[in-house]
Protein backbone atom coordinates (compact mmCIF):
# COMPACT_ATOMS: atom_id res chain seq x y z
CA MET A 1 102.40 230.33 331.71
CA LYS A 2 98.89 230.28 330.51
CA PRO A 3 95.82 230.52 333.03
CA LEU A 4 93.36 227.73 332.69
CA GLY A 5 90.62 229.19 334.87
CA VAL A 6 89.03 228.47 337.98
CA ASN A 7 89.41 224.77 339.02
CA ARG A 8 86.92 224.68 342.05
CA VAL A 9 86.15 226.56 345.18
CA VAL A 10 86.77 224.99 348.51
CA ILE A 11 83.76 224.98 350.87
CA ALA A 12 84.27 224.39 354.68
CA VAL A 13 81.46 222.44 356.24
CA LYS A 14 80.66 220.85 359.60
CA ASP A 15 78.86 217.75 358.20
CA LEU A 16 80.35 216.41 355.00
CA ASP A 17 77.98 213.85 354.32
CA ARG A 18 74.93 216.55 354.89
CA ALA A 19 77.04 218.70 352.36
CA ILE A 20 77.21 216.03 349.85
CA GLN A 21 73.90 215.44 349.81
CA PHE A 22 72.93 218.85 349.43
CA TYR A 23 74.88 219.80 346.54
CA SER A 24 74.35 216.77 344.82
CA ARG A 25 70.57 217.37 344.95
CA LEU A 26 70.81 221.15 344.23
CA LEU A 27 73.20 220.80 341.30
CA GLY A 28 73.18 217.12 340.33
CA ALA A 29 76.63 216.93 341.22
CA THR A 30 78.62 213.94 341.92
CA PHE A 31 81.31 213.67 344.43
CA GLU A 32 84.53 211.64 345.07
CA ASP A 33 85.76 211.06 348.62
CA VAL A 34 89.46 212.11 348.63
CA SER A 35 89.75 211.94 352.41
CA ALA A 36 92.66 209.59 352.34
CA GLY A 37 94.94 212.34 351.41
CA ALA A 38 93.16 214.84 353.43
CA GLU A 39 93.29 213.40 356.73
CA VAL A 40 96.97 214.41 357.45
CA PHE A 41 95.34 218.01 357.40
CA GLY A 42 92.75 216.82 360.03
CA VAL A 43 89.76 216.86 357.58
CA ARG A 44 87.48 214.91 355.25
CA ALA A 45 87.30 215.83 352.04
CA ALA A 46 84.98 215.26 348.76
CA ILE A 47 85.38 216.71 345.38
CA SER A 48 82.80 217.14 342.46
CA TRP A 49 85.03 217.70 339.24
CA ASP A 50 81.98 218.41 337.31
CA ALA A 51 80.76 221.10 339.56
CA GLY A 52 83.86 222.62 340.70
CA ILE A 53 83.31 222.05 344.22
CA GLU A 54 85.75 220.68 347.09
CA LEU A 55 84.29 220.31 350.28
CA VAL A 56 86.20 219.87 353.33
CA ALA A 57 84.96 219.00 357.12
CA PRO A 58 87.10 218.77 360.14
CA LEU A 59 87.80 215.73 361.79
CA PRO A 60 86.28 215.03 365.27
CA GLY A 61 88.81 215.69 367.98
CA ARG A 62 91.27 216.80 365.77
CA ASP A 63 92.94 220.42 365.46
CA SER A 64 93.02 221.64 361.91
CA ALA A 65 92.88 225.10 359.98
CA ILE A 66 89.20 224.19 358.70
CA ALA A 67 88.01 223.36 362.25
CA ARG A 68 89.37 226.80 363.73
CA SER A 69 88.09 228.70 360.42
CA ILE A 70 84.62 227.12 361.06
CA GLU A 71 84.75 228.01 364.54
CA LYS A 72 85.46 231.74 363.79
CA HIS A 73 83.89 232.33 360.59
CA GLY A 74 81.21 229.51 360.09
CA GLU A 75 80.75 227.40 357.26
CA GLY A 76 81.44 228.70 353.77
CA VAL A 77 83.89 229.38 350.84
CA ARG A 78 87.54 229.44 351.95
CA GLN A 79 89.59 228.97 349.03
CA ILE A 80 89.56 229.45 345.28
CA VAL A 81 91.92 227.13 343.11
CA PHE A 82 93.36 228.62 339.89
CA ALA A 83 94.52 226.10 337.31
CA VAL A 84 97.66 227.08 335.12
CA ASP A 85 99.68 225.05 332.63
CA ASP A 86 103.01 225.62 334.15
CA ILE A 87 103.41 225.28 337.96
CA GLU A 88 107.21 226.21 338.10
CA GLU A 89 106.43 229.39 336.23
CA ALA A 90 103.65 230.21 338.71
CA ARG A 91 105.96 229.71 341.54
CA ALA A 92 108.45 232.19 339.64
CA ARG A 93 105.78 234.74 339.26
CA ILE A 94 104.83 234.06 343.13
CA GLU A 95 108.23 234.65 344.44
CA ALA A 96 108.85 237.96 342.01
CA MET A 97 105.89 239.43 343.67
CA ASP A 98 106.81 238.43 346.97
CA ILE A 99 103.86 236.43 347.98
CA ARG A 100 104.48 233.98 350.49
CA ILE A 101 103.57 230.33 350.04
CA LEU A 102 102.16 228.69 353.02
CA GLU A 103 102.18 225.45 351.56
CA THR A 104 103.33 223.39 348.41
CA ILE A 105 101.29 219.97 347.92
CA GLU A 106 102.50 217.58 345.38
CA PHE A 107 101.13 214.32 345.17
CA SER A 108 103.36 211.47 344.30
CA GLU A 109 102.37 208.71 341.80
CA LYS A 110 101.17 206.29 344.45
CA GLN A 111 99.09 209.02 346.14
CA LEU A 112 97.40 210.20 342.83
CA GLU A 113 96.31 206.65 342.08
CA HIS A 114 95.06 205.86 345.64
CA GLN A 115 93.61 209.50 346.28
CA PHE A 116 92.37 210.48 342.73
CA HIS A 117 91.97 206.98 341.14
CA GLY A 118 94.67 207.81 338.33
CA ARG A 119 92.61 210.54 337.09
CA PHE A 120 96.02 212.66 337.13
CA ALA A 121 99.23 211.98 335.57
CA ARG A 122 100.65 215.37 338.14
CA TYR A 123 99.11 217.23 340.70
CA LYS A 124 101.04 220.02 342.52
CA GLU A 125 99.65 223.16 344.32
CA HIS A 126 100.85 226.38 345.98
CA ILE A 127 98.52 227.62 348.90
CA LEU A 128 99.21 231.41 348.86
CA HIS A 129 99.23 233.55 351.84
CA PRO A 130 95.93 235.63 351.94
CA GLY A 131 97.63 238.83 353.47
CA ASP A 132 99.88 239.15 350.35
CA THR A 133 96.80 238.47 347.94
CA GLY A 134 94.53 241.25 349.22
CA GLY A 135 92.73 238.80 351.37
CA ALA A 136 92.02 236.39 348.63
CA PRO A 137 92.23 232.81 349.79
CA LEU A 138 94.25 231.42 346.49
CA ILE A 139 95.67 228.14 345.49
CA ILE A 140 97.48 227.90 342.20
CA ALA A 141 97.69 224.69 340.80
CA GLN A 142 98.80 222.34 337.97
CA PHE A 143 96.83 219.26 337.20
CA ASN A 144 98.09 217.04 334.18
CA PRO A 145 95.19 214.59 333.31
CA ARG A 146 95.97 210.90 332.32
């Protein structure tokens, strides 16, 4: 397995539209709305692939980990996504280190087309338990571009 570096940081925000406007003005970043796949988690989301930022905001009236996190800690960085070239080998290493995986997300071809507009042929990620990573909120992911 080869690490490919930090793919993006995930930032929890209260107002997605305001945050998009802020980071667009500050960095000149462009964002894609990826809320279609994020709504099952109770959030709206937008990603700037060029700036390496994912913004997530809780949906009104919905319980979500992001809503609870913002309520407890305020807005800010919540996760760091590291890209690797082999997610299966990454999982084997994670398990060998007794690191708990909170959730694995893998998108179907239909979801990849709908949510990421065909940008990827494969997208799979493991969300690691921060209690096993020294408190670091890590996601290990494999993204195969088309």
